[in-house]
């Protein structure tokens, strides 16, 4: 199967995502593993500087540091 150009090589499996919550977590999933859309959108509002609907590598690193 040919890979789509937009396919990410960074897969996220969400079945047990709530077990991976840590101090620098974005809050996009709550303690029960439920998706929190407002917290997800907040990532882009706070950290997406170059493109409003995407975070680049340096923005992602800045978010990680800010969430410590």
N, C-alpha and C. Protein backbone atom coordinates (compact mmCIF):
# COMPACT_ATOMS: atom_id res chain seq x y z
N UNK A 1 0.84 -1.17 0.00
CA UNK A 1 0.00 0.00 0.00
C UNK A 1 0.89 1.25 0.00
N UNK A 2 0.60 2.20 -0.87
CA UNK A 2 1.37 3.43 -0.95
C UNK A 2 0.91 4.40 0.12
N UNK A 3 1.87 5.02 0.77
CA UNK A 3 1.56 5.93 1.87
C UNK A 3 1.18 7.30 1.33
N UNK A 4 0.14 7.88 1.89
CA UNK A 4 -0.31 9.22 1.54
C UNK A 4 0.70 10.23 2.04
N UNK A 5 0.91 11.31 1.31
CA UNK A 5 1.88 12.33 1.70
C UNK A 5 1.53 12.99 3.04
N UNK A 6 0.27 12.97 3.43
CA UNK A 6 -0.12 13.59 4.69
C UNK A 6 -0.17 12.60 5.85
N UNK A 7 0.15 11.35 5.60
CA UNK A 7 0.14 10.35 6.66
C UNK A 7 1.29 10.61 7.62
N UNK A 8 0.97 10.66 8.88
CA UNK A 8 1.98 10.87 9.90
C UNK A 8 2.70 9.57 10.21
N UNK A 9 3.97 9.66 10.49
CA UNK A 9 4.75 8.50 10.92
C UNK A 9 4.76 8.42 12.44
N UNK A 10 4.03 9.32 13.08
CA UNK A 10 3.94 9.36 14.53
C UNK A 10 2.52 8.96 14.92
N UNK A 11 2.31 7.67 15.07
CA UNK A 11 0.99 7.15 15.39
C UNK A 11 0.69 7.32 16.88
N UNK A 12 -0.55 7.64 17.17
CA UNK A 12 -1.00 7.76 18.54
C UNK A 12 -2.14 6.78 18.75
N UNK A 13 -1.96 5.85 19.66
CA UNK A 13 -2.99 4.87 19.98
C UNK A 13 -3.70 5.35 21.24
N UNK A 14 -5.01 5.55 21.15
CA UNK A 14 -5.73 6.21 22.24
C UNK A 14 -6.47 5.29 23.19
N UNK A 15 -6.45 3.99 22.94
CA UNK A 15 -7.22 3.06 23.78
C UNK A 15 -6.92 3.25 25.27
N UNK A 16 -5.66 3.37 25.63
CA UNK A 16 -5.27 3.52 27.04
C UNK A 16 -4.53 4.83 27.28
N UNK A 17 -4.87 5.86 26.53
CA UNK A 17 -4.13 7.12 26.59
C UNK A 17 -4.20 7.76 27.98
N UNK A 18 -5.28 7.54 28.70
CA UNK A 18 -5.41 8.14 30.03
C UNK A 18 -4.36 7.62 31.00
N UNK A 19 -3.75 6.47 30.70
CA UNK A 19 -2.73 5.92 31.58
C UNK A 19 -1.39 6.63 31.41
N UNK A 20 -1.27 7.45 30.38
CA UNK A 20 -0.03 8.15 30.10
C UNK A 20 -0.04 9.61 30.49
N UNK A 21 -1.02 10.04 31.26
CA UNK A 21 -1.09 11.44 31.68
C UNK A 21 0.07 11.74 32.63
N UNK A 22 0.71 12.89 32.40
CA UNK A 22 1.86 13.28 33.21
C UNK A 22 1.81 14.78 33.45
N UNK A 23 2.76 15.30 34.19
CA UNK A 23 2.76 16.70 34.59
C UNK A 23 2.81 17.71 33.45
N UNK A 24 3.41 17.35 32.32
CA UNK A 24 3.49 18.29 31.20
C UNK A 24 2.45 17.99 30.14
N UNK A 25 1.44 17.24 30.50
CA UNK A 25 0.38 16.85 29.58
C UNK A 25 -0.43 18.05 29.13
N UNK A 26 -0.96 18.01 27.91
CA UNK A 26 -1.74 19.13 27.38
C UNK A 26 -3.15 19.20 27.94
N UNK A 27 -3.64 18.11 28.52
CA UNK A 27 -5.00 18.07 29.03
C UNK A 27 -6.02 17.73 27.96
N UNK A 28 -5.57 17.33 26.77
CA UNK A 28 -6.48 17.00 25.67
C UNK A 28 -7.31 15.74 25.95
N UNK A 29 -6.84 14.94 26.88
CA UNK A 29 -7.59 13.77 27.35
C UNK A 29 -7.67 13.86 28.86
N UNK A 30 -8.84 13.60 29.41
CA UNK A 30 -9.00 13.69 30.86
C UNK A 30 -8.54 12.39 31.52
N UNK A 31 -8.66 12.31 32.84
CA UNK A 31 -8.18 11.16 33.61
C UNK A 31 -8.89 9.86 33.24
N UNK A 32 -10.07 9.96 32.63
CA UNK A 32 -10.81 8.77 32.21
C UNK A 32 -10.57 8.44 30.74
N UNK A 33 -9.72 9.20 30.06
CA UNK A 33 -9.40 8.94 28.66
C UNK A 33 -10.36 9.59 27.68
N UNK A 34 -11.21 10.50 28.15
CA UNK A 34 -12.15 11.19 27.26
C UNK A 34 -11.47 12.39 26.61
N UNK A 35 -11.70 12.56 25.32
CA UNK A 35 -11.15 13.68 24.57
C UNK A 35 -11.78 14.98 25.02
N UNK A 36 -10.97 16.03 25.24
CA UNK A 36 -11.44 17.34 25.68
C UNK A 36 -11.13 18.33 24.54
N UNK A 37 -12.09 18.56 23.64
CA UNK A 37 -11.84 19.40 22.47
C UNK A 37 -11.31 20.80 22.79
N UNK A 38 -11.82 21.43 23.84
CA UNK A 38 -11.38 22.78 24.19
C UNK A 38 -9.89 22.81 24.53
N UNK A 39 -9.40 21.81 25.24
CA UNK A 39 -7.99 21.74 25.60
C UNK A 39 -7.13 21.46 24.36
N UNK A 40 -7.65 20.66 23.45
CA UNK A 40 -6.92 20.38 22.20
C UNK A 40 -6.81 21.66 21.38
N UNK A 41 -7.90 22.38 21.23
CA UNK A 41 -7.88 23.62 20.46
C UNK A 41 -6.98 24.67 21.10
N UNK A 42 -6.87 24.62 22.41
CA UNK A 42 -6.01 25.55 23.14
C UNK A 42 -4.54 25.41 22.73
N UNK A 43 -4.14 24.20 22.35
CA UNK A 43 -2.77 23.97 21.88
C UNK A 43 -2.46 24.91 20.73
N UNK A 44 -3.38 25.01 19.77
CA UNK A 44 -3.15 25.84 18.59
C UNK A 44 -3.28 27.32 18.91
N UNK A 45 -4.22 27.67 19.77
CA UNK A 45 -4.41 29.07 20.17
C UNK A 45 -3.15 29.60 20.85
N UNK A 46 -2.57 28.80 21.72
CA UNK A 46 -1.40 29.24 22.49
C UNK A 46 -0.08 29.08 21.76
N UNK A 47 0.07 28.04 20.93
CA UNK A 47 1.39 27.68 20.44
C UNK A 47 1.60 27.73 18.93
N UNK A 48 0.54 27.74 18.14
CA UNK A 48 0.71 27.78 16.68
C UNK A 48 0.95 29.21 16.24
N UNK A 49 2.18 29.53 15.90
CA UNK A 49 2.55 30.89 15.52
C UNK A 49 2.69 31.02 13.99
N UNK A 50 3.23 29.99 13.32
CA UNK A 50 3.48 30.06 11.89
C UNK A 50 2.21 29.77 11.09
N UNK A 51 1.54 28.68 11.43
CA UNK A 51 0.28 28.27 10.79
C UNK A 51 -0.77 28.13 11.89
N UNK A 52 -1.95 28.72 11.73
CA UNK A 52 -2.94 28.67 12.82
C UNK A 52 -3.51 27.28 13.11
N UNK A 53 -3.42 26.37 12.16
CA UNK A 53 -4.01 25.03 12.35
C UNK A 53 -2.96 23.93 12.47
N UNK A 54 -1.72 24.31 12.79
CA UNK A 54 -0.65 23.32 12.91
C UNK A 54 0.43 23.84 13.84
N UNK A 55 1.13 22.93 14.48
CA UNK A 55 2.30 23.30 15.26
C UNK A 55 3.51 22.64 14.63
N UNK A 56 4.57 23.41 14.48
CA UNK A 56 5.79 22.84 13.93
C UNK A 56 6.65 22.30 15.08
N UNK A 57 7.81 21.77 14.75
CA UNK A 57 8.64 21.11 15.75
C UNK A 57 9.06 22.07 16.87
N UNK A 58 9.46 23.28 16.52
CA UNK A 58 9.89 24.21 17.56
C UNK A 58 8.72 24.68 18.42
N UNK A 59 7.55 24.83 17.83
CA UNK A 59 6.36 25.20 18.61
C UNK A 59 5.94 24.06 19.55
N UNK A 60 6.07 22.84 19.07
CA UNK A 60 5.76 21.68 19.90
C UNK A 60 6.72 21.60 21.09
N UNK A 61 7.99 21.87 20.84
CA UNK A 61 8.98 21.87 21.92
C UNK A 61 8.68 22.99 22.92
N UNK A 62 8.30 24.17 22.42
CA UNK A 62 7.95 25.28 23.31
C UNK A 62 6.74 24.92 24.16
N UNK A 63 5.75 24.23 23.56
CA UNK A 63 4.59 23.80 24.32
C UNK A 63 4.98 22.82 25.41
N UNK A 64 5.84 21.88 25.07
CA UNK A 64 6.28 20.89 26.05
C UNK A 64 6.97 21.57 27.23
N UNK A 65 7.81 22.53 26.94
CA UNK A 65 8.54 23.25 28.00
C UNK A 65 7.55 24.08 28.84
N UNK A 66 6.62 24.75 28.18
CA UNK A 66 5.62 25.56 28.89
C UNK A 66 4.73 24.72 29.81
N UNK A 67 4.48 23.48 29.43
CA UNK A 67 3.60 22.61 30.22
C UNK A 67 4.31 21.90 31.36
N UNK A 68 5.58 22.12 31.52
CA UNK A 68 6.31 21.45 32.62
C UNK A 68 5.77 21.85 33.96
